[in-house]
Each structure stands twice: as C-alpha cells, then as structure tokens.
PDB file of N, CA and C in Angstrom:
ATOM      1  N   UNK A   1       8.678  16.710  10.010  1.00  0.00           N
ATOM      2  CA  UNK A   1       7.659  16.589   8.879  1.00  0.00           C
ATOM      3  C   UNK A   1       5.554  16.432   8.222  1.00  0.00           C
ATOM      4  N   UNK A   2       5.600  17.219   7.794  1.00  0.00           N
ATOM      5  CA  UNK A   2       3.817  16.498   7.832  1.00  0.00           C
ATOM      6  C   UNK A   2       3.323  16.007   6.749  1.00  0.00           C
ATOM      7  N   UNK A   3       2.687  14.874   7.466  1.00  0.00           N
ATOM      8  CA  UNK A   3       2.459  13.716   6.677  1.00  0.00           C
ATOM      9  C   UNK A   3       1.025  14.319   6.069  1.00  0.00           C
ATOM     10  N   UNK A   4       1.645  13.533   4.648  1.00  0.00           N
ATOM     11  CA  UNK A   4      -0.053  14.209   3.621  1.00  0.00           C
ATOM     12  C   UNK A   4      -0.901  13.922   3.967  1.00  0.00           C
ATOM     13  N   UNK A   5      -1.703  14.842   3.339  1.00  0.00           N
ATOM     14  CA  UNK A   5      -3.548  14.601   4.084  1.00  0.00           C
ATOM     15  C   UNK A   5      -3.857  13.031   3.253  1.00  0.00           C
ATOM     16  N   UNK A   6      -3.783  13.158   2.515  1.00  0.00           N
ATOM     17  CA  UNK A   6      -4.058  11.949   1.034  1.00  0.00           C
ATOM     18  C   UNK A   6      -3.652  12.110  -0.176  1.00  0.00           C
ATOM     19  N   UNK A   7      -3.040  10.593  -0.383  1.00  0.00           N
ATOM     20  CA  UNK A   7      -3.044  10.008  -1.066  1.00  0.00           C
ATOM     21  C   UNK A   7      -3.462   8.897  -2.014  1.00  0.00           C
ATOM     22  N   UNK A   8      -3.904   8.748  -3.448  1.00  0.00           N
ATOM     23  CA  UNK A   8      -4.243   7.567  -4.249  1.00  0.00           C
ATOM     24  C   UNK A   8      -3.301   7.184  -4.665  1.00  0.00           C
ATOM     25  N   UNK A   9      -3.682   5.760  -5.092  1.00  0.00           N
ATOM     26  CA  UNK A   9      -3.700   4.627  -5.611  1.00  0.00           C
ATOM     27  C   UNK A   9      -4.054   3.877  -6.856  1.00  0.00           C
ATOM     28  N   UNK A  10      -3.624   4.131  -7.964  1.00  0.00           N
ATOM     29  CA  UNK A  10      -4.739   3.875  -8.906  1.00  0.00           C
ATOM     30  C   UNK A  10      -4.386   2.342  -9.190  1.00  0.00           C
ATOM     31  N   UNK A  11      -4.554   1.472  -9.074  1.00  0.00           N
ATOM     32  CA  UNK A  11      -4.555   0.035  -9.085  1.00  0.00           C
ATOM     33  C   UNK A  11      -5.125  -1.008 -10.279  1.00  0.00           C
ATOM     34  N   UNK A  12      -6.302   0.173 -10.856  1.00  0.00           N
ATOM     35  CA  UNK A  12      -7.177  -1.250 -11.524  1.00  0.00           C
ATOM     36  C   UNK A  12      -6.936  -1.329 -13.015  1.00  0.00           C
ATOM     37  N   UNK A  13      -5.810  -0.784 -13.292  1.00  0.00           N
ATOM     38  CA  UNK A  13      -4.874  -1.371 -14.661  1.00  0.00           C
ATOM     39  C   UNK A  13      -3.589  -1.975 -14.817  1.00  0.00           C
ATOM     40  N   UNK A  14      -3.384  -2.659 -13.263  1.00  0.00           N
ATOM     41  CA  UNK A  14      -2.239  -3.604 -12.824  1.00  0.00           C
ATOM     42  C   UNK A  14      -2.855  -4.440 -13.078  1.00  0.00           C
ATOM     43  N   UNK A  15      -1.641  -5.339 -13.793  1.00  0.00           N
ATOM     44  CA  UNK A  15      -1.679  -6.821 -14.468  1.00  0.00           C
ATOM     45  C   UNK A  15      -1.027  -8.337 -13.457  1.00  0.00           C
ATOM     46  N   UNK A  16       0.169  -7.359 -12.653  1.00  0.00           N
ATOM     47  CA  UNK A  16       1.149  -8.539 -12.064  1.00  0.00           C
ATOM     48  C   UNK A  16       1.258  -7.818 -10.549  1.00  0.00           C
ATOM     49  N   UNK A  17       1.563  -9.306 -10.237  1.00  0.00           N
ATOM     50  CA  UNK A  17       2.281  -8.589  -8.229  1.00  0.00           C
ATOM     51  C   UNK A  17       3.325  -7.368  -8.616  1.00  0.00           C
ATOM     52  N   UNK A  18       4.143  -7.506  -9.584  1.00  0.00           N
ATOM     53  CA  UNK A  18       5.288  -6.676  -9.973  1.00  0.00           C
ATOM     54  C   UNK A  18       4.717  -5.280 -10.243  1.00  0.00           C
ATOM     55  N   UNK A  19       3.989  -5.057 -10.978  1.00  0.00           N
ATOM     56  CA  UNK A  19       3.350  -3.800 -11.803  1.00  0.00           C
ATOM     57  C   UNK A  19       3.028  -3.109 -10.318  1.00  0.00           C
ATOM     58  N   UNK A  20       1.863  -4.293  -9.132  1.00  0.00           N
ATOM     59  CA  UNK A  20       1.260  -3.493  -8.333  1.00  0.00           C
ATOM     60  C   UNK A  20       2.662  -2.712  -6.965  1.00  0.00           C
ATOM     61  N   UNK A  21       3.460  -3.957  -6.842  1.00  0.00           N
ATOM     62  CA  UNK A  21       4.534  -3.438  -6.052  1.00  0.00           C
ATOM     63  C   UNK A  21       5.468  -2.425  -6.899  1.00  0.00           C
ATOM     64  N   UNK A  22       5.316  -1.647  -7.442  1.00  0.00           N
ATOM     65  CA  UNK A  22       6.027  -0.874  -8.372  1.00  0.00           C
ATOM     66  C   UNK A  22       5.737   0.825  -8.381  1.00  0.00           C
ATOM     67  N   UNK A  23       4.092   0.166  -8.270  1.00  0.00           N
ATOM     68  CA  UNK A  23       3.378   1.221  -7.709  1.00  0.00           C
ATOM     69  C   UNK A  23       3.290   1.687  -6.503  1.00  0.00           C
ATOM     70  N   UNK A  24       3.181   0.914  -5.624  1.00  0.00           N
ATOM     71  CA  UNK A  24       3.383   1.070  -4.035  1.00  0.00           C
ATOM     72  C   UNK A  24       4.626   1.877  -3.917  1.00  0.00           C
ATOM     73  N   UNK A  25       5.430   1.690  -4.668  1.00  0.00           N
ATOM     74  CA  UNK A  25       7.090   2.033  -4.182  1.00  0.00           C
ATOM     75  C   UNK A  25       6.813   3.118  -4.805  1.00  0.00           C
ATOM     76  N   UNK A  26       6.592   3.374  -5.679  1.00  0.00           N
ATOM     77  CA  UNK A  26       6.730   4.958  -6.785  1.00  0.00           C
ATOM     78  C   UNK A  26       5.802   5.834  -5.725  1.00  0.00           C
ATOM     79  N   UNK A  27       3.996   5.867  -5.488  1.00  0.00           N
ATOM     80  CA  UNK A  27       3.176   6.395  -4.684  1.00  0.00           C
ATOM     81  C   UNK A  27       3.843   6.796  -3.202  1.00  0.00           C
ATOM     82  N   UNK A  28       4.138   5.997  -2.877  1.00  0.00           N
ATOM     83  CA  UNK A  28       4.410   6.106  -1.216  1.00  0.00           C
ATOM     84  C   UNK A  28       6.246   6.417  -0.685  1.00  0.00           C
ATOM     85  N   UNK A  29       6.940   6.535  -1.858  1.00  0.00           N
ATOM     86  CA  UNK A  29       8.229   6.733  -1.680  1.00  0.00           C
ATOM     87  C   UNK A  29       9.302   6.419  -1.286  1.00  0.00           C
ATOM     88  N   UNK A  30       8.568   4.465  -2.092  1.00  0.00           N
ATOM     89  CA  UNK A  30       9.477   3.323  -1.141  1.00  0.00           C
ATOM     90  C   UNK A  30      11.067   3.592  -1.586  1.00  0.00           C
ATOM     91  N   UNK A  31      12.273   3.176  -0.949  1.00  0.00           N
ATOM     92  CA  UNK A  31      13.419   3.371  -1.615  1.00  0.00           C
ATOM     93  C   UNK A  31      13.331   2.581  -2.790  1.00  0.00           C
ATOM     94  N   UNK A  32      14.432   2.965  -4.317  1.00  0.00           N
ATOM     95  CA  UNK A  32      14.581   2.238  -5.007  1.00  0.00           C
ATOM     96  C   UNK A  32      15.115   0.495  -5.327  1.00  0.00           C
ATOM     97  N   UNK A  33      15.749   0.364  -3.539  1.00  0.00           N
ATOM     98  CA  UNK A  33      16.010  -0.735  -3.114  1.00  0.00           C
ATOM     99  C   UNK A  33      14.854  -1.712  -2.605  1.00  0.00           C
ATOM    100  N   UNK A  34      13.937  -1.638  -2.777  1.00  0.00           N
ATOM    101  CA  UNK A  34      12.645  -1.989  -2.429  1.00  0.00           C
ATOM    102  C   UNK A  34      12.750  -3.470  -2.857  1.00  0.00           C
ATOM    103  N   UNK A  35      12.455  -4.347  -2.236  1.00  0.00           N
ATOM    104  CA  UNK A  35      12.105  -5.637  -2.050  1.00  0.00           C
ATOM    105  C   UNK A  35      10.949  -6.338  -3.071  1.00  0.00           C
ATOM    106  N   UNK A  36      10.295  -5.671  -3.257  1.00  0.00           N
ATOM    107  CA  UNK A  36       8.514  -5.958  -4.100  1.00  0.00           C
ATOM    108  C   UNK A  36       8.271  -7.493  -3.377  1.00  0.00           C
ATOM    109  N   UNK A  37       7.660  -7.949  -2.053  1.00  0.00           N
ATOM    110  CA  UNK A  37       7.439  -8.567  -2.070  1.00  0.00           C
ATOM    111  C   UNK A  37       6.799  -8.312  -0.818  1.00  0.00           C
ATOM    112  N   UNK A  38       6.039  -8.985   0.017  1.00  0.00           N
ATOM    113  CA  UNK A  38       4.868  -8.019   0.735  1.00  0.00           C
ATOM    114  C   UNK A  38       5.778  -8.101   2.168  1.00  0.00           C
ATOM    115  N   UNK A  39       6.476  -9.210   2.522  1.00  0.00           N
ATOM    116  CA  UNK A  39       7.761  -8.663   3.453  1.00  0.00           C
ATOM    117  C   UNK A  39       7.652  -7.313   3.342  1.00  0.00           C
ATOM    118  N   UNK A  40       9.000  -6.834   2.379  1.00  0.00           N
ATOM    119  CA  UNK A  40       9.531  -5.715   2.785  1.00  0.00           C
ATOM    120  C   UNK A  40       8.188  -4.763   2.303  1.00  0.00           C
ATOM    121  N   UNK A  41       7.440  -4.998   2.014  1.00  0.00           N
ATOM    122  CA  UNK A  41       6.157  -4.055   2.164  1.00  0.00           C
ATOM    123  C   UNK A  41       6.085  -3.241   3.602  1.00  0.00           C
ATOM    124  N   UNK A  42       5.629  -4.937   4.110  1.00  0.00           N
ATOM    125  CA  UNK A  42       5.686  -4.465   5.877  1.00  0.00           C
ATOM    126  C   UNK A  42       6.268  -3.551   6.363  1.00  0.00           C
ATOM    127  N   UNK A  43       7.719  -4.285   5.973  1.00  0.00           N
ATOM    128  CA  UNK A  43       9.061  -3.592   6.532  1.00  0.00           C
ATOM    129  C   UNK A  43       9.186  -2.057   6.677  1.00  0.00           C
ATOM    130  N   UNK A  44       8.282  -1.586   5.330  1.00  0.00           N
ATOM    131  CA  UNK A  44       8.913  -0.304   4.488  1.00  0.00           C
ATOM    132  C   UNK A  44       7.484   0.751   5.087  1.00  0.00           C
ATOM    133  N   UNK A  45       6.490  -0.143   5.482  1.00  0.00           N
ATOM    134  CA  UNK A  45       5.364   0.829   6.130  1.00  0.00           C
ATOM    135  C   UNK A  45       5.339   1.006   7.552  1.00  0.00           C
ATOM    136  N   UNK A  46       5.637  -0.091   8.308  1.00  0.00           N
ATOM    137  CA  UNK A  46       5.883   0.034   9.157  1.00  0.00           C
ATOM    138  C   UNK A  46       7.495   0.947  10.239  1.00  0.00           C
ATOM    139  N   UNK A  47       8.128   1.144   9.617  1.00  0.00           N
ATOM    140  CA  UNK A  47       9.177   1.886   9.332  1.00  0.00           C
ATOM    141  C   UNK A  47       9.803   2.825   8.975  1.00  0.00           C
ATOM    142  N   UNK A  48       9.857   2.593   7.393  1.00  0.00           N
ATOM    143  CA  UNK A  48      11.144   3.276   6.619  1.00  0.00           C
ATOM    144  C   UNK A  48      10.252   4.882   6.375  1.00  0.00           C
ATOM    145  N   UNK A  49       9.029   4.643   5.572  1.00  0.00           N
ATOM    146  CA  UNK A  49       7.799   5.401   5.141  1.00  0.00           C
ATOM    147  C   UNK A  49       7.114   6.451   5.950  1.00  0.00           C
ATOM    148  N   UNK A  50       6.875   7.426   6.078  1.00  0.00           N
ATOM    149  CA  UNK A  50       5.783   8.214   6.284  1.00  0.00           C
ATOM    150  C   UNK A  50       4.659   7.795   5.380  1.00  0.00           C
ATOM    151  N   UNK A  51       3.410   7.106   6.144  1.00  0.00           N
ATOM    152  CA  UNK A  51       1.980   6.971   5.935  1.00  0.00           C
ATOM    153  C   UNK A  51       1.835   8.176   5.853  1.00  0.00           C
ATOM    154  N   UNK A  52       0.506   8.707   4.433  1.00  0.00           N
ATOM    155  CA  UNK A  52      -0.041   9.425   4.481  1.00  0.00           C
ATOM    156  C   UNK A  52      -1.811   9.693   5.322  1.00  0.00           C
ATOM    157  N   UNK A  53      -2.181  10.515   5.932  1.00  0.00           N
ATOM    158  CA  UNK A  53      -3.385  10.181   6.711  1.00  0.00           C
ATOM    159  C   UNK A  53      -4.101   9.670   6.100  1.00  0.00           C
ATOM    160  N   UNK A  54      -4.540   9.430   4.995  1.00  0.00           N
ATOM    161  CA  UNK A  54      -5.380   8.245   4.188  1.00  0.00           C
ATOM    162  C   UNK A  54      -5.230   8.376   2.926  1.00  0.00           C
ATOM    163  N   UNK A  55      -5.461   6.481   2.785  1.00  0.00           N
ATOM    164  CA  UNK A  55      -4.332   6.454   1.812  1.00  0.00           C
ATOM    165  C   UNK A  55      -5.975   5.705   0.852  1.00  0.00           C
ATOM    166  N   UNK A  56      -6.008   6.120  -0.393  1.00  0.00           N
ATOM    167  CA  UNK A  56      -7.405   5.442  -1.138  1.00  0.00           C
ATOM    168  C   UNK A  56      -6.629   4.800  -2.292  1.00  0.00           C
ATOM    169  N   UNK A  57      -7.321   3.364  -2.213  1.00  0.00           N
ATOM    170  CA  UNK A  57      -7.130   2.798  -3.191  1.00  0.00           C
ATOM    171  C   UNK A  57      -8.094   2.354  -4.227  1.00  0.00           C
ATOM    172  N   UNK A  58      -7.488   2.655  -5.377  1.00  0.00           N
ATOM    173  CA  UNK A  58      -8.872   3.356  -6.393  1.00  0.00           C
ATOM    174  C   UNK A  58      -8.514   1.962  -7.689  1.00  0.00           C
ATOM    175  N   UNK A  59      -9.653   1.339  -7.483  1.00  0.00           N
ATOM    176  CA  UNK A  59      -9.988   0.373  -8.559  1.00  0.00           C
ATOM    177  C   UNK A  59      -9.578  -0.907  -7.865  1.00  0.00           C
ATOM    178  N   UNK A  60      -9.779  -1.237  -6.977  1.00  0.00           N
ATOM    179  CA  UNK A  60      -9.785  -2.264  -6.009  1.00  0.00           C
ATOM    180  C   UNK A  60     -10.452  -3.520  -5.961  1.00  0.00           C
ATOM    181  N   UNK A  61     -11.901  -3.447  -6.252  1.00  0.00           N
ATOM    182  CA  UNK A  61     -12.287  -4.247  -7.054  1.00  0.00           C
ATOM    183  C   UNK A  61     -11.933  -4.828  -8.057  1.00  0.00           C
ATOM    184  N   UNK A  62     -11.421  -4.589  -9.212  1.00  0.00           N
ATOM    185  CA  UNK A  62     -10.287  -5.023 -10.663  1.00  0.00           C
ATOM    186  C   UNK A  62      -9.129  -5.581  -9.906  1.00  0.00           C
ATOM    187  N   UNK A  63      -8.703  -5.137  -9.301  1.00  0.00           N
ATOM    188  CA  UNK A  63      -7.361  -5.633  -8.774  1.00  0.00           C
ATOM    189  C   UNK A  63      -7.736  -7.210  -7.892  1.00  0.00           C
ATOM    190  N   UNK A  64      -8.438  -6.916  -6.808  1.00  0.00           N
ATOM    191  CA  UNK A  64      -9.038  -8.250  -6.127  1.00  0.00           C
ATOM    192  C   UNK A  64      -9.726  -9.791  -7.325  1.00  0.00           C
ATOM    193  N   UNK A  65     -10.136  -8.866  -8.401  1.00  0.00           N
ATOM    194  CA  UNK A  65     -10.306 -10.048  -9.195  1.00  0.00           C
ATOM    195  C   UNK A  65      -9.024 -10.537 -10.119  1.00  0.00           C
ATOM    196  N   UNK A  66      -8.356  -9.879 -10.246  1.00  0.00           N
ATOM    197  CA  UNK A  66      -7.399 -10.541 -11.073  1.00  0.00           C
ATOM    198  C   UNK A  66      -5.652 -10.795 -10.598  1.00  0.00           C
ATOM    199  N   UNK A  67      -5.589 -10.431  -9.209  1.00  0.00           N
ATOM    200  CA  UNK A  67      -4.993 -10.342  -7.950  1.00  0.00           C
ATOM    201  C   UNK A  67      -4.928 -10.554  -6.684  1.00  0.00           C
ATOM    202  N   UNK A  68      -5.963 -11.856  -6.459  1.00  0.00           N
ATOM    203  CA  UNK A  68      -6.822 -11.779  -5.663  1.00  0.00           C
ATOM    204  C   UNK A  68      -5.838 -12.097  -4.107  1.00  0.00           C
ATOM    205  N   UNK A  69      -4.875 -12.890  -4.340  1.00  0.00           N
ATOM    206  CA  UNK A  69      -3.611 -13.487  -2.892  1.00  0.00           C
ATOM    207  C   UNK A  69      -3.009 -11.589  -2.936  1.00  0.00           C
ATOM    208  N   UNK A  70      -2.418 -11.440  -4.153  1.00  0.00           N
ATOM    209  CA  UNK A  70      -1.626  -9.476  -4.024  1.00  0.00           C
ATOM    210  C   UNK A  70      -2.861  -9.137  -2.865  1.00  0.00           C
ATOM    211  N   UNK A  71      -3.766  -9.010  -3.467  1.00  0.00           N
ATOM    212  CA  UNK A  71      -4.848  -7.867  -2.875  1.00  0.00           C
ATOM    213  C   UNK A  71      -4.970  -7.886  -1.346  1.00  0.00           C
ATOM    214  N   UNK A  72      -4.992  -9.537  -1.051  1.00  0.00           N
ATOM    215  CA  UNK A  72      -5.823 -10.028   0.311  1.00  0.00           C
ATOM    216  C   UNK A  72      -4.286  -9.648   1.049  1.00  0.00           C
ATOM    217  N   UNK A  73      -2.657 -10.200   0.251  1.00  0.00           N
ATOM    218  CA  UNK A  73      -1.794  -9.972   1.446  1.00  0.00           C
ATOM    219  C   UNK A  73      -1.404  -8.334   1.595  1.00  0.00           C
ATOM    220  N   UNK A  74      -2.217  -7.119   0.492  1.00  0.00           N
ATOM    221  CA  UNK A  74      -1.814  -5.842   0.659  1.00  0.00           C
ATOM    222  C   UNK A  74      -2.752  -5.398   1.766  1.00  0.00           C
ATOM    223  N   UNK A  75      -3.694  -5.654   1.718  1.00  0.00           N
ATOM    224  CA  UNK A  75      -4.686  -5.056   2.792  1.00  0.00           C
ATOM    225  C   UNK A  75      -4.664  -5.678   4.478  1.00  0.00           C
ATOM    226  N   UNK A  76      -3.998  -7.065   4.583  1.00  0.00           N
ATOM    227  CA  UNK A  76      -3.683  -7.636   6.002  1.00  0.00           C
ATOM    228  C   UNK A  76      -3.047  -6.425   6.075  1.00  0.00           C
ATOM    229  N   UNK A  77      -1.204  -6.613   5.214  1.00  0.00           N
ATOM    230  CA  UNK A  77      -0.463  -5.611   5.769  1.00  0.00           C
ATOM    231  C   UNK A  77      -1.032  -3.919   6.196  1.00  0.00           C
ATOM    232  N   UNK A  78      -1.786  -3.450   5.380  1.00  0.00           N
ATOM    233  CA  UNK A  78      -2.161  -2.240   5.402  1.00  0.00           C
ATOM    234  C   UNK A  78      -3.184  -2.131   7.018  1.00  0.00           C
ATOM    235  N   UNK A  79      -3.377  -3.224   7.169  1.00  0.00           N
ATOM    236  CA  UNK A  79      -4.689  -3.424   8.615  1.00  0.00           C
ATOM    237  C   UNK A  79      -3.922  -3.703   9.655  1.00  0.00           C
ATOM    238  N   UNK A  80      -2.609  -4.395   9.354  1.00  0.00           N
ATOM    239  CA  UNK A  80      -1.745  -4.732  10.417  1.00  0.00           C
ATOM    240  C   UNK A  80      -1.167  -3.799  11.190  1.00  0.00           C
ATOM    241  N   UNK A  81      -0.796  -2.448  10.116  1.00  0.00           N
ATOM    242  CA  UNK A  81      -0.036  -1.493  10.767  1.00  0.00           C
ATOM    243  C   UNK A  81      -1.369  -0.240  11.412  1.00  0.00           C
ATOM    244  N   UNK A  82      -2.592  -0.685  10.822  1.00  0.00           N
ATOM    245  CA  UNK A  82      -3.637   0.011  11.982  1.00  0.00           C
ATOM    246  C   UNK A  82      -3.283  -0.180  12.949  1.00  0.00           C
ATOM    247  N   UNK A  83      -3.995  -1.493  12.846  1.00  0.00           N
ATOM    248  CA  UNK A  83      -3.604  -2.479  14.378  1.00  0.00           C
ATOM    249  C   UNK A  83      -2.637  -2.009  15.550  1.00  0.00           C
ATOM    250  N   UNK A  84      -1.292  -2.368  14.711  1.00  0.00           N
ATOM    251  CA  UNK A  84      -0.479  -2.283  15.512  1.00  0.00           C
ATOM    252  C   UNK A  84       0.438  -0.583  16.080  1.00  0.00           C
ATOM    253  N   UNK A  85       0.209  -0.411  14.997  1.00  0.00           N
ATOM    254  CA  UNK A  85       0.712   1.284  15.179  1.00  0.00           C
ATOM    255  C   UNK A  85      -0.312   2.238  14.810  1.00  0.00           C
ATOM    256  N   UNK A  86      -1.455   2.282  14.788  1.00  0.00           N
ATOM    257  CA  UNK A  86      -2.287   3.249  14.689  1.00  0.00           C
ATOM    258  C   UNK A  86      -1.901   4.722  14.525  1.00  0.00           C
ATOM    259  N   UNK A  87      -0.945   5.743  15.332  1.00  0.00           N
ATOM    260  CA  UNK A  87      -0.623   6.863  15.175  1.00  0.00           C
ATOM    261  C   UNK A  87       0.107   7.262  13.633  1.00  0.00           C
ATOM    262  N   UNK A  88       0.854   5.985  13.248  1.00  0.00           N
ATOM    263  CA  UNK A  88       1.714   5.739  12.057  1.00  0.00           C
ATOM    264  C   UNK A  88       0.280   5.209  10.313  1.00  0.00           C
ATOM    265  N   UNK A  89      -0.737   4.880  10.808  1.00  0.00           N
ATOM    266  CA  UNK A  89      -1.100   4.345   9.945  1.00  0.00           C
ATOM    267  C   UNK A  89      -2.299   5.370   8.931  1.00  0.00           C
ATOM    268  N   UNK A  90      -2.704   4.874   7.822  1.00  0.00           N
ATOM    269  CA  UNK A  90      -3.404   5.380   7.228  1.00  0.00           C
ATOM    270  C   UNK A  90      -4.518   5.408   7.434  1.00  0.00           C
ATOM    271  N   UNK A  91      -6.003   5.851   7.123  1.00  0.00           N
ATOM    272  CA  UNK A  91      -7.215   5.617   7.040  1.00  0.00           C
ATOM    273  C   UNK A  91      -7.305   4.806   5.658  1.00  0.00           C
ATOM    274  N   UNK A  92      -7.996   3.941   5.833  1.00  0.00           N
ATOM    275  CA  UNK A  92      -7.829   3.091   4.381  1.00  0.00           C
ATOM    276  C   UNK A  92      -8.953   3.308   3.475  1.00  0.00           C
ATOM    277  N   UNK A  93      -9.169   3.788   2.607  1.00  0.00           N
ATOM    278  CA  UNK A  93     -10.295   3.385   1.630  1.00  0.00           C
ATOM    279  C   UNK A  93      -9.952   2.716  -0.001  1.00  0.00           C
ATOM    280  N   UNK A  94     -10.963   1.556   0.148  1.00  0.00           N
ATOM    281  CA  UNK A  94     -11.025   1.019  -0.653  1.00  0.00           C
ATOM    282  C   UNK A  94     -11.638   1.481  -1.819  1.00  0.00           C
ATOM    283  N   UNK A  95     -11.516   1.830  -2.868  1.00  0.00           N
ATOM    284  CA  UNK A  95     -12.744   1.918  -4.061  1.00  0.00           C
ATOM    285  C   UNK A  95     -12.787   1.638  -4.948  1.00  0.00           C
TER     286      UNK A  95
END
C-alpha cells in the first residue's frame, strides 16, 4: 500500500478532547472502536494505521491555547513515533 503524501487535519474549531480524538480518528482512518485517549492514539499510530508521509496540523496555535494538555500529549505521541519508528512516522507541520 502506498502512503498518502500529505494529510491535513484542521483542529482550529475543536473545543474538547473528544472532538479532537474523533477528528484524528476520522482523518487517520482509525477504527470505530478507537478508545479516544492518548494511550489508544499511540497504539493506533504505532501499529494499527499507516501514517501519511507528511502530516499538517492546521490551527495548532488555537488548539494549544484551548486544550494545552491534549495538544502537548498529541505532539508527544507524534514526536515519539518519529524517534522510535522514523520509517513509519510522518513529517510534521504544526501551523
């Protein structure tokens, strides 16, 4: 299977952690039974789904202000994937 060259996820209008997880689930093609928490997100991106070559997160600044803990945890998961599994990870763009 060929990895998508670019996936953009717009997070600027998301107001809750649940909305963020559902947006990630839908955009990344996570299963419907995805647990909507950061441990489940890590499990999904590190073994369940194929990440795109590039991942652009639009509205990052506003999300970081509204949901600072969730934004930090999401970024940690994505950066951990880059460190531990660089061949599977996406190049990240937080805009």
